[in-house]
PDB file of all heavy atoms in Angstrom:
ATOM      1  N   ILE A   1       0.847  -1.193   0.002  1.00  0.00           N
ATOM      2  CA  ILE A   1      -0.001  -0.013  -0.021  1.00  0.00           C
ATOM      3  C   ILE A   1       0.875   1.233  -0.001  1.00  0.00           C
ATOM      4  O   ILE A   1       1.893   1.302   0.702  1.00  0.00           O
ATOM      5  CB  ILE A   1      -0.945   0.005   1.226  1.00  0.00           C
ATOM      6  CG1 ILE A   1      -1.874  -1.179   1.239  1.00  0.00           C
ATOM      7  CG2 ILE A   1      -1.717   1.303   1.316  1.00  0.00           C
ATOM      8  CD1 ILE A   1      -1.417  -2.328   2.097  1.00  0.00           C
ATOM      9  N   GLU A   2       0.464   2.243  -0.790  1.00  0.00           N
ATOM     10  CA  GLU A   2       1.228   3.492  -0.856  1.00  0.00           C
ATOM     11  C   GLU A   2       0.297   4.634  -1.208  1.00  0.00           C
ATOM     12  O   GLU A   2      -0.516   4.504  -2.139  1.00  0.00           O
ATOM     13  CB  GLU A   2       2.309   3.359  -1.912  1.00  0.00           C
ATOM     14  CG  GLU A   2       3.171   4.615  -2.052  1.00  0.00           C
ATOM     15  CD  GLU A   2       4.236   4.429  -3.179  1.00  0.00           C
ATOM     16  OE1 GLU A   2       3.863   4.037  -4.294  1.00  0.00           O
ATOM     17  OE2 GLU A   2       5.434   4.631  -2.853  1.00  0.00           O
ATOM     18  N   ASP A   3       0.329   5.713  -0.421  1.00  0.00           N
ATOM     19  CA  ASP A   3      -0.402   6.926  -0.701  1.00  0.00           C
ATOM     20  C   ASP A   3      -1.893   6.668  -0.975  1.00  0.00           C
ATOM     21  O   ASP A   3      -2.502   7.160  -1.942  1.00  0.00           O
ATOM     22  CB  ASP A   3       0.191   7.672  -1.907  1.00  0.00           C
ATOM     23  CG  ASP A   3       1.557   8.238  -1.566  1.00  0.00           C
ATOM     24  OD1 ASP A   3       1.804   8.554  -0.407  1.00  0.00           O
ATOM     25  OD2 ASP A   3       2.376   8.394  -2.507  1.00  0.00           O
ATOM     26  N   GLY A   4      -2.528   5.884  -0.119  1.00  0.00           N
ATOM     27  CA  GLY A   4      -3.959   5.644  -0.208  1.00  0.00           C
ATOM     28  C   GLY A   4      -4.396   4.671  -1.269  1.00  0.00           C
ATOM     29  O   GLY A   4      -5.589   4.551  -1.539  1.00  0.00           O
ATOM     30  N   LYS A   5      -3.452   3.946  -1.837  1.00  0.00           N
ATOM     31  CA  LYS A   5      -3.787   2.953  -2.891  1.00  0.00           C
ATOM     32  C   LYS A   5      -3.080   1.633  -2.640  1.00  0.00           C
ATOM     33  O   LYS A   5      -1.965   1.615  -2.087  1.00  0.00           O
ATOM     34  CB  LYS A   5      -3.382   3.507  -4.271  1.00  0.00           C
ATOM     35  CG  LYS A   5      -4.014   4.803  -4.675  1.00  0.00           C
ATOM     36  CD  LYS A   5      -3.692   5.145  -6.106  1.00  0.00           C
ATOM     37  CE  LYS A   5      -2.200   5.412  -6.351  1.00  0.00           C
ATOM     38  NZ  LYS A   5      -1.687   6.600  -5.657  1.00  0.00           N
ATOM     39  N   ILE A   6      -3.691   0.584  -3.095  1.00  0.00           N
ATOM     40  CA  ILE A   6      -3.059  -0.723  -3.133  1.00  0.00           C
ATOM     41  C   ILE A   6      -2.247  -0.764  -4.428  1.00  0.00           C
ATOM     42  O   ILE A   6      -2.788  -0.754  -5.531  1.00  0.00           O
ATOM     43  CB  ILE A   6      -4.082  -1.887  -3.145  1.00  0.00           C
ATOM     44  CG1 ILE A   6      -4.970  -1.781  -1.872  1.00  0.00           C
ATOM     45  CG2 ILE A   6      -3.364  -3.221  -3.154  1.00  0.00           C
ATOM     46  CD1 ILE A   6      -6.139  -2.750  -1.887  1.00  0.00           C
ATOM     47  N   VAL A   7      -0.909  -0.745  -4.306  1.00  0.00           N
ATOM     48  CA  VAL A   7      -0.088  -0.707  -5.506  1.00  0.00           C
ATOM     49  C   VAL A   7       0.333  -2.074  -6.000  1.00  0.00           C
ATOM     50  O   VAL A   7       0.786  -2.202  -7.139  1.00  0.00           O
ATOM     51  CB  VAL A   7       1.171   0.186  -5.261  1.00  0.00           C
ATOM     52  CG1 VAL A   7       0.776   1.636  -5.004  1.00  0.00           C
ATOM     53  CG2 VAL A   7       2.000  -0.384  -4.108  1.00  0.00           C
ATOM     54  N   TRP A   8       0.187  -3.086  -5.165  1.00  0.00           N
ATOM     55  CA  TRP A   8       0.407  -4.462  -5.616  1.00  0.00           C
ATOM     56  C   TRP A   8      -0.355  -5.392  -4.675  1.00  0.00           C
ATOM     57  O   TRP A   8      -0.322  -5.205  -3.458  1.00  0.00           O
ATOM     58  CB  TRP A   8       1.893  -4.823  -5.595  1.00  0.00           C
ATOM     59  CG  TRP A   8       2.201  -6.121  -6.377  1.00  0.00           C
ATOM     60  CD1 TRP A   8       2.547  -6.169  -7.681  1.00  0.00           C
ATOM     61  CD2 TRP A   8       2.109  -7.456  -5.914  1.00  0.00           C
ATOM     62  NE1 TRP A   8       2.725  -7.510  -8.072  1.00  0.00           N
ATOM     63  CE2 TRP A   8       2.454  -8.316  -6.974  1.00  0.00           C
ATOM     64  CE3 TRP A   8       1.777  -8.049  -4.700  1.00  0.00           C
ATOM     65  CZ2 TRP A   8       2.485  -9.697  -6.876  1.00  0.00           C
ATOM     66  CZ3 TRP A   8       1.818  -9.433  -4.580  1.00  0.00           C
ATOM     67  CH2 TRP A   8       2.184 -10.243  -5.648  1.00  0.00           C
ATOM     68  N   GLU A   9      -1.019  -6.373  -5.245  1.00  0.00           N
ATOM     69  CA  GLU A   9      -1.656  -7.398  -4.426  1.00  0.00           C
ATOM     70  C   GLU A   9      -1.754  -8.660  -5.253  1.00  0.00           C
ATOM     71  O   GLU A   9      -1.932  -8.625  -6.478  1.00  0.00           O
ATOM     72  CB  GLU A   9      -3.067  -6.951  -3.965  1.00  0.00           C
ATOM     73  CG  GLU A   9      -4.026  -6.640  -5.087  1.00  0.00           C
ATOM     74  CD  GLU A   9      -5.409  -6.200  -4.594  1.00  0.00           C
ATOM     75  OE1 GLU A   9      -5.705  -6.465  -3.413  1.00  0.00           O
ATOM     76  OE2 GLU A   9      -6.139  -5.568  -5.362  1.00  0.00           O
ATOM     77  N   GLY A  10      -1.633  -9.776  -4.580  1.00  0.00           N
ATOM     78  CA  GLY A  10      -1.683 -11.043  -5.293  1.00  0.00           C
ATOM     79  C   GLY A  10      -1.160 -12.148  -4.453  1.00  0.00           C
ATOM     80  O   GLY A  10      -1.024 -12.059  -3.242  1.00  0.00           O
ATOM     81  N   GLY A  11      -0.842 -13.254  -5.139  1.00  0.00           N
ATOM     82  CA  GLY A  11      -0.354 -14.441  -4.449  1.00  0.00           C
ATOM     83  C   GLY A  11       0.941 -14.908  -5.072  1.00  0.00           C
ATOM     84  O   GLY A  11       1.226 -14.682  -6.241  1.00  0.00           O
ATOM     85  N   LEU A  12       1.707 -15.632  -4.261  1.00  0.00           N
ATOM     86  CA  LEU A  12       2.923 -16.321  -4.714  1.00  0.00           C
ATOM     87  C   LEU A  12       2.803 -17.744  -4.249  1.00  0.00           C
ATOM     88  O   LEU A  12       2.431 -18.025  -3.137  1.00  0.00           O
ATOM     89  CB  LEU A  12       4.141 -15.652  -4.107  1.00  0.00           C
ATOM     90  CG  LEU A  12       4.307 -14.140  -4.372  1.00  0.00           C
ATOM     91  CD1 LEU A  12       5.401 -13.566  -3.472  1.00  0.00           C
ATOM     92  CD2 LEU A  12       4.616 -13.864  -5.844  1.00  0.00           C
ATOM     93  N   GLY A  13       3.125 -18.649  -5.145  1.00  0.00           N
ATOM     94  CA  GLY A  13       3.036 -20.078  -4.747  1.00  0.00           C
ATOM     95  C   GLY A  13       1.649 -20.650  -4.859  1.00  0.00           C
ATOM     96  O   GLY A  13       0.798 -20.114  -5.566  1.00  0.00           O
ATOM     97  N   VAL A  14       1.441 -21.750  -4.157  1.00  0.00           N
ATOM     98  CA  VAL A  14       0.224 -22.536  -4.290  1.00  0.00           C
ATOM     99  C   VAL A  14      -0.513 -22.685  -2.961  1.00  0.00           C
ATOM    100  O   VAL A  14       0.053 -22.526  -1.881  1.00  0.00           O
ATOM    101  CB  VAL A  14       0.543 -23.961  -4.868  1.00  0.00           C
ATOM    102  CG1 VAL A  14       1.049 -23.808  -6.293  1.00  0.00           C
ATOM    103  CG2 VAL A  14       1.578 -24.661  -3.986  1.00  0.00           C
ATOM    104  N   THR A  15      -1.782 -23.032  -3.070  1.00  0.00           N
ATOM    105  CA  THR A  15      -2.612 -23.173  -1.881  1.00  0.00           C
ATOM    106  C   THR A  15      -2.321 -24.454  -1.112  1.00  0.00           C
ATOM    107  O   THR A  15      -2.564 -24.522   0.089  1.00  0.00           O
ATOM    108  CB  THR A  15      -4.118 -23.181  -2.232  1.00  0.00           C
ATOM    109  OG1 THR A  15      -4.407 -24.277  -3.108  1.00  0.00           O
ATOM    110  CG2 THR A  15      -4.497 -21.871  -2.923  1.00  0.00           C
ATOM    111  N   SER A  16      -1.720 -25.421  -1.772  1.00  0.00           N
ATOM    112  CA  SER A  16      -1.411 -26.691  -1.120  1.00  0.00           C
ATOM    113  C   SER A  16      -0.120 -27.275  -1.690  1.00  0.00           C
ATOM    114  O   SER A  16       0.036 -27.303  -2.945  1.00  0.00           O
ATOM    115  CB  SER A  16      -2.545 -27.686  -1.318  1.00  0.00           C
ATOM    116  OG  SER A  16      -2.298 -28.915  -0.656  1.00  0.00           O
ATOM    117  N   ARG A  17       0.755 -27.718  -0.840  1.00  0.00           N
ATOM    118  CA  ARG A  17       2.035 -28.276  -1.294  1.00  0.00           C
ATOM    119  C   ARG A  17       1.779 -29.439  -2.254  1.00  0.00           C
ATOM    120  O   ARG A  17       1.035 -30.363  -1.953  1.00  0.00           O
ATOM    121  CB  ARG A  17       2.868 -28.752  -0.116  1.00  0.00           C
ATOM    122  CG  ARG A  17       4.278 -29.176  -0.485  1.00  0.00           C
ATOM    123  CD  ARG A  17       5.115 -29.428   0.771  1.00  0.00           C
ATOM    124  NE  ARG A  17       6.501 -29.787   0.444  1.00  0.00           N
ATOM    125  CZ  ARG A  17       7.473 -28.915   0.220  1.00  0.00           C
ATOM    126  NH1 ARG A  17       7.207 -27.621   0.283  1.00  0.00           N
ATOM    127  NH2 ARG A  17       8.692 -29.313  -0.061  1.00  0.00           N
ATOM    128  N   GLY A  18       2.390 -29.391  -3.428  1.00  0.00           N
ATOM    129  CA  GLY A  18       2.220 -30.434  -4.418  1.00  0.00           C
ATOM    130  C   GLY A  18       1.024 -30.195  -5.323  1.00  0.00           C
ATOM    131  O   GLY A  18       0.836 -30.920  -6.283  1.00  0.00           O
ATOM    132  N   GLY A  19       0.208 -29.166  -4.992  1.00  0.00           N
ATOM    133  CA  GLY A  19      -0.965 -28.875  -5.812  1.00  0.00           C
ATOM    134  C   GLY A  19      -0.675 -27.892  -6.895  1.00  0.00           C
ATOM    135  O   GLY A  19       0.473 -27.413  -7.048  1.00  0.00           O
ATOM    136  N   THR A  20      -1.691 -27.535  -7.671  1.00  0.00           N
ATOM    137  CA  THR A  20      -1.541 -26.631  -8.801  1.00  0.00           C
ATOM    138  C   THR A  20      -2.334 -25.348  -8.639  1.00  0.00           C
ATOM    139  O   THR A  20      -2.154 -24.409  -9.416  1.00  0.00           O
ATOM    140  CB  THR A  20      -1.932 -27.327 -10.104  1.00  0.00           C
ATOM    141  OG1 THR A  20      -3.303 -27.771  -9.979  1.00  0.00           O
ATOM    142  CG2 THR A  20      -1.042 -28.517 -10.400  1.00  0.00           C
ATOM    143  N   ASP A  21      -3.239 -25.292  -7.658  1.00  0.00           N
ATOM    144  CA  ASP A  21      -4.046 -24.080  -7.491  1.00  0.00           C
ATOM    145  C   ASP A  21      -3.191 -22.954  -6.919  1.00  0.00           C
ATOM    146  O   ASP A  21      -2.562 -23.077  -5.855  1.00  0.00           O
ATOM    147  CB  ASP A  21      -5.194 -24.358  -6.509  1.00  0.00           C
ATOM    148  CG  ASP A  21      -6.226 -25.303  -7.105  1.00  0.00           C
ATOM    149  OD1 ASP A  21      -6.258 -25.454  -8.308  1.00  0.00           O
ATOM    150  OD2 ASP A  21      -6.991 -25.917  -6.295  1.00  0.00           O
ATOM    151  N   LYS A  22      -3.138 -21.864  -7.649  1.00  0.00           N
ATOM    152  CA  LYS A  22      -2.311 -20.747  -7.295  1.00  0.00           C
ATOM    153  C   LYS A  22      -2.975 -19.857  -6.229  1.00  0.00           C
ATOM    154  O   LYS A  22      -4.187 -19.676  -6.213  1.00  0.00           O
ATOM    155  CB  LYS A  22      -2.020 -19.881  -8.505  1.00  0.00           C
ATOM    156  CG  LYS A  22      -1.348 -20.609  -9.681  1.00  0.00           C
ATOM    157  CD  LYS A  22       0.075 -20.987  -9.351  1.00  0.00           C
ATOM    158  CE  LYS A  22       0.778 -21.573 -10.575  1.00  0.00           C
ATOM    159  NZ  LYS A  22       2.196 -21.959 -10.280  1.00  0.00           N
ATOM    160  N   VAL A  23      -2.143 -19.305  -5.347  1.00  0.00           N
ATOM    161  CA  VAL A  23      -2.627 -18.285  -4.423  1.00  0.00           C
ATOM    162  C   VAL A  23      -2.846 -17.001  -5.203  1.00  0.00           C
ATOM    163  O   VAL A  23      -2.029 -16.610  -6.029  1.00  0.00           O
ATOM    164  CB  VAL A  23      -1.608 -18.069  -3.268  1.00  0.00           C
ATOM    165  CG1 VAL A  23      -2.059 -16.913  -2.364  1.00  0.00           C
ATOM    166  CG2 VAL A  23      -1.411 -19.330  -2.473  1.00  0.00           C
ATOM    167  N   ASP A  24      -3.949 -16.281  -4.922  1.00  0.00           N
ATOM    168  CA  ASP A  24      -4.191 -14.990  -5.535  1.00  0.00           C
ATOM    169  C   ASP A  24      -4.606 -14.014  -4.455  1.00  0.00           C
ATOM    170  O   ASP A  24      -4.630 -14.340  -3.245  1.00  0.00           O
ATOM    171  CB  ASP A  24      -5.188 -15.071  -6.664  1.00  0.00           C
ATOM    172  CG  ASP A  24      -6.567 -15.583  -6.236  1.00  0.00           C
ATOM    173  OD1 ASP A  24      -6.965 -15.328  -5.081  1.00  0.00           O
ATOM    174  OD2 ASP A  24      -7.255 -16.233  -7.023  1.00  0.00           O
ATOM    175  N   LYS A  25      -5.000 -12.825  -4.818  1.00  0.00           N
ATOM    176  CA  LYS A  25      -5.323 -11.795  -3.876  1.00  0.00           C
ATOM    177  C   LYS A  25      -6.543 -12.121  -3.019  1.00  0.00           C
ATOM    178  O   LYS A  25      -6.725 -11.543  -1.924  1.00  0.00           O
ATOM    179  CB  LYS A  25      -5.545 -10.432  -4.566  1.00  0.00           C
ATOM    180  CG  LYS A  25      -6.794 -10.363  -5.438  1.00  0.00           C
ATOM    181  CD  LYS A  25      -6.892  -9.001  -6.088  1.00  0.00           C
ATOM    182  CE  LYS A  25      -8.142  -8.902  -7.012  1.00  0.00           C
ATOM    183  NZ  LYS A  25      -9.386  -8.980  -6.175  1.00  0.00           N
ATOM    184  N   ASP A  26      -7.387 -13.037  -3.481  1.00  0.00           N
ATOM    185  CA  ASP A  26      -8.610 -13.385  -2.783  1.00  0.00           C
ATOM    186  C   ASP A  26      -8.512 -14.701  -2.030  1.00  0.00           C
ATOM    187  O   ASP A  26      -9.500 -15.131  -1.416  1.00  0.00           O
ATOM    188  CB  ASP A  26      -9.777 -13.432  -3.749  1.00  0.00           C
ATOM    189  CG  ASP A  26     -10.088 -12.052  -4.368  1.00  0.00           C
ATOM    190  OD1 ASP A  26     -10.046 -11.066  -3.621  1.00  0.00           O
ATOM    191  OD2 ASP A  26     -10.306 -11.997  -5.610  1.00  0.00           O
ATOM    192  N   THR A  27      -7.391 -15.406  -2.088  1.00  0.00           N
ATOM    193  CA  THR A  27      -7.219 -16.657  -1.375  1.00  0.00           C
ATOM    194  C   THR A  27      -7.341 -16.401   0.112  1.00  0.00           C
ATOM    195  O   THR A  27      -6.717 -15.501   0.652  1.00  0.00           O
ATOM    196  CB  THR A  27      -5.865 -17.288  -1.693  1.00  0.00           C
ATOM    197  OG1 THR A  27      -5.782 -17.537  -3.109  1.00  0.00           O
ATOM    198  CG2 THR A  27      -5.699 -18.612  -0.942  1.00  0.00           C
ATOM    199  N   GLU A  28      -8.123 -17.209   0.799  1.00  0.00           N
ATOM    200  CA  GLU A  28      -8.361 -17.025   2.218  1.00  0.00           C
ATOM    201  C   GLU A  28      -7.353 -17.806   3.061  1.00  0.00           C
ATOM    202  O   GLU A  28      -7.122 -18.997   2.835  1.00  0.00           O
ATOM    203  CB  GLU A  28      -9.778 -17.372   2.602  1.00  0.00           C
ATOM    204  CG  GLU A  28     -10.799 -16.425   1.958  1.00  0.00           C
ATOM    205  CD  GLU A  28     -12.172 -16.543   2.552  1.00  0.00           C
ATOM    206  OE1 GLU A  28     -12.279 -16.483   3.785  1.00  0.00           O
ATOM    207  OE2 GLU A  28     -13.143 -16.656   1.779  1.00  0.00           O
TER     208      GLU A  28
END
């Protein structure tokens, strides 16, 4: 976050080790 804005958001890696589902900004 910078100056009142989200300047980057997302995911890195996967939701489960060995899986293929990517983490994203909405992953809980």
